[in-house]
Amino acid sequence: MMPSLREDQAGADELTNNGEDLCFAPATVLTAAIRQKKVSPVEVINAVYARLHKINPKINAFATLTEEQARLTAKEAEAAVMRDDIALALFTASPSQSKMCS
């Protein structure tokens, strides 16, 4: 069963800017937190890359990182949040990855 919007908003209220919380929070909770301006897209990207730099040498999950582009996009999303253009902010602020297999 999927969580309700109310549950996501409650999760956003409990979310801290601790990097681990941001890395393990469901996307719906991050969305609610960004919408409520409790956390910024830049903070989310910073937390994701801090964790990635910590664990990737051990697990080798990513060969190519686009950190500079991710930070630029997060800043654009943060500016959209401040303009209350939430749709654009949420579309551009979601960390994602792809893995190419050959």
Protein backbone atom coordinates (compact mmCIF):
# COMPACT_ATOMS: atom_id res chain seq x y z
CA MET A 1 0.00 0.00 0.00
CA MET A 2 1.34 3.42 -0.95
CA PRO A 3 1.68 6.07 1.75
CA SER A 4 -0.81 8.89 1.69
CA LEU A 5 0.05 12.51 1.06
CA ARG A 6 -0.66 13.19 4.73
CA GLU A 7 1.86 10.50 5.75
CA ASP A 8 4.44 11.99 3.37
CA GLN A 9 3.91 15.44 4.85
CA ALA A 10 4.24 14.00 8.36
CA GLY A 11 7.47 12.32 7.27
CA ALA A 12 8.71 15.67 5.97
CA ASP A 13 8.03 17.20 9.38
CA GLU A 14 10.26 14.55 10.98
CA LEU A 15 13.01 14.83 8.38
CA THR A 16 16.23 16.48 9.51
CA ASN A 17 18.97 17.97 7.37
CA ASN A 18 21.19 15.13 8.52
CA GLY A 19 22.78 13.63 5.42
CA GLU A 20 21.79 10.10 6.32
CA ASP A 21 18.13 11.11 6.74
CA LEU A 22 18.13 12.79 3.35
CA CYS A 23 19.78 9.82 1.64
CA PHE A 24 17.32 7.27 2.98
CA ALA A 25 14.11 9.30 2.89
CA PRO A 26 11.54 8.20 0.32
CA ALA A 27 11.22 10.49 -2.69
CA THR A 28 7.68 11.36 -1.63
CA VAL A 29 8.93 12.60 1.74
CA LEU A 30 11.73 14.59 0.10
CA THR A 31 9.17 16.10 -2.27
CA ALA A 32 6.99 17.17 0.65
CA ALA A 33 10.01 18.59 2.52
CA ILE A 34 11.14 20.58 -0.53
CA ARG A 35 7.61 21.82 -1.09
CA GLN A 36 7.45 22.98 2.55
CA LYS A 37 10.94 24.53 2.24
CA LYS A 38 12.22 22.41 5.12
CA VAL A 39 15.06 21.16 2.96
CA SER A 40 16.54 22.47 -0.28
CA PRO A 41 17.42 20.54 -3.43
CA VAL A 42 21.04 21.62 -2.89
CA GLU A 43 21.05 20.02 0.57
CA VAL A 44 19.69 16.79 -0.91
CA ILE A 45 22.34 16.68 -3.64
CA ASN A 46 25.10 17.51 -1.13
CA ALA A 47 23.95 14.65 1.11
CA VAL A 48 23.71 12.19 -1.79
CA TYR A 49 27.19 13.01 -3.06
CA ALA A 50 28.72 12.97 0.42
CA ARG A 51 27.39 9.46 0.93
CA LEU A 52 28.36 8.42 -2.58
CA HIS A 53 31.95 9.58 -2.09
CA LYS A 54 32.05 7.68 1.18
CA ILE A 55 30.76 4.33 -0.07
CA ASN A 56 31.43 4.20 -3.81
CA PRO A 57 35.14 3.30 -3.45
CA LYS A 58 34.06 0.15 -1.58
CA ILE A 59 31.16 -0.90 -3.81
CA ASN A 60 32.16 0.63 -7.16
CA ALA A 61 28.55 1.33 -8.09
CA PHE A 62 29.26 4.30 -10.36
CA ALA A 63 31.99 4.70 -12.93
CA THR A 64 31.05 8.21 -14.02
CA LEU A 65 29.73 10.90 -11.72
CA THR A 66 28.13 14.08 -13.01
CA GLU A 67 28.48 15.97 -9.76
CA GLU A 68 29.02 19.40 -11.28
CA GLN A 69 25.90 19.08 -13.43
CA ALA A 70 23.90 17.72 -10.49
CA ARG A 71 24.89 20.67 -8.29
CA LEU A 72 24.05 23.16 -11.04
CA THR A 73 20.64 21.55 -11.55
CA ALA A 74 20.03 21.55 -7.78
CA LYS A 75 20.78 25.28 -7.65
CA GLU A 76 18.31 25.86 -10.48
CA ALA A 77 15.72 23.80 -8.62
CA GLU A 78 16.37 25.75 -5.43
CA ALA A 79 15.79 29.01 -7.31
CA ALA A 80 12.53 27.57 -8.65
CA VAL A 81 11.44 26.67 -5.10
CA MET A 82 12.11 30.22 -3.97
CA ARG A 83 9.93 31.48 -6.86
CA ASP A 84 7.25 28.98 -5.77
CA ASP A 85 7.61 27.14 -9.09
CA ILE A 86 7.38 23.84 -7.25
CA ALA A 87 6.61 21.71 -10.32
CA LEU A 88 9.87 22.71 -12.02
CA ALA A 89 11.82 22.37 -8.78
CA LEU A 90 10.59 18.86 -8.09
CA PHE A 91 11.12 17.73 -11.66
CA THR A 92 14.74 18.87 -11.74
CA ALA A 93 15.75 18.13 -8.14
CA SER A 94 15.27 14.38 -8.05
CA PRO A 95 18.60 12.55 -7.81
CA SER A 96 18.68 9.69 -10.29
CA GLN A 97 21.13 7.25 -11.71
CA SER A 98 21.44 4.96 -14.66
CA LYS A 99 23.71 2.01 -15.19
CA MET A 100 24.84 0.94 -18.60
CA CYS A 101 25.46 -2.75 -19.06
CA SER A 102 27.26 -4.14 -22.03
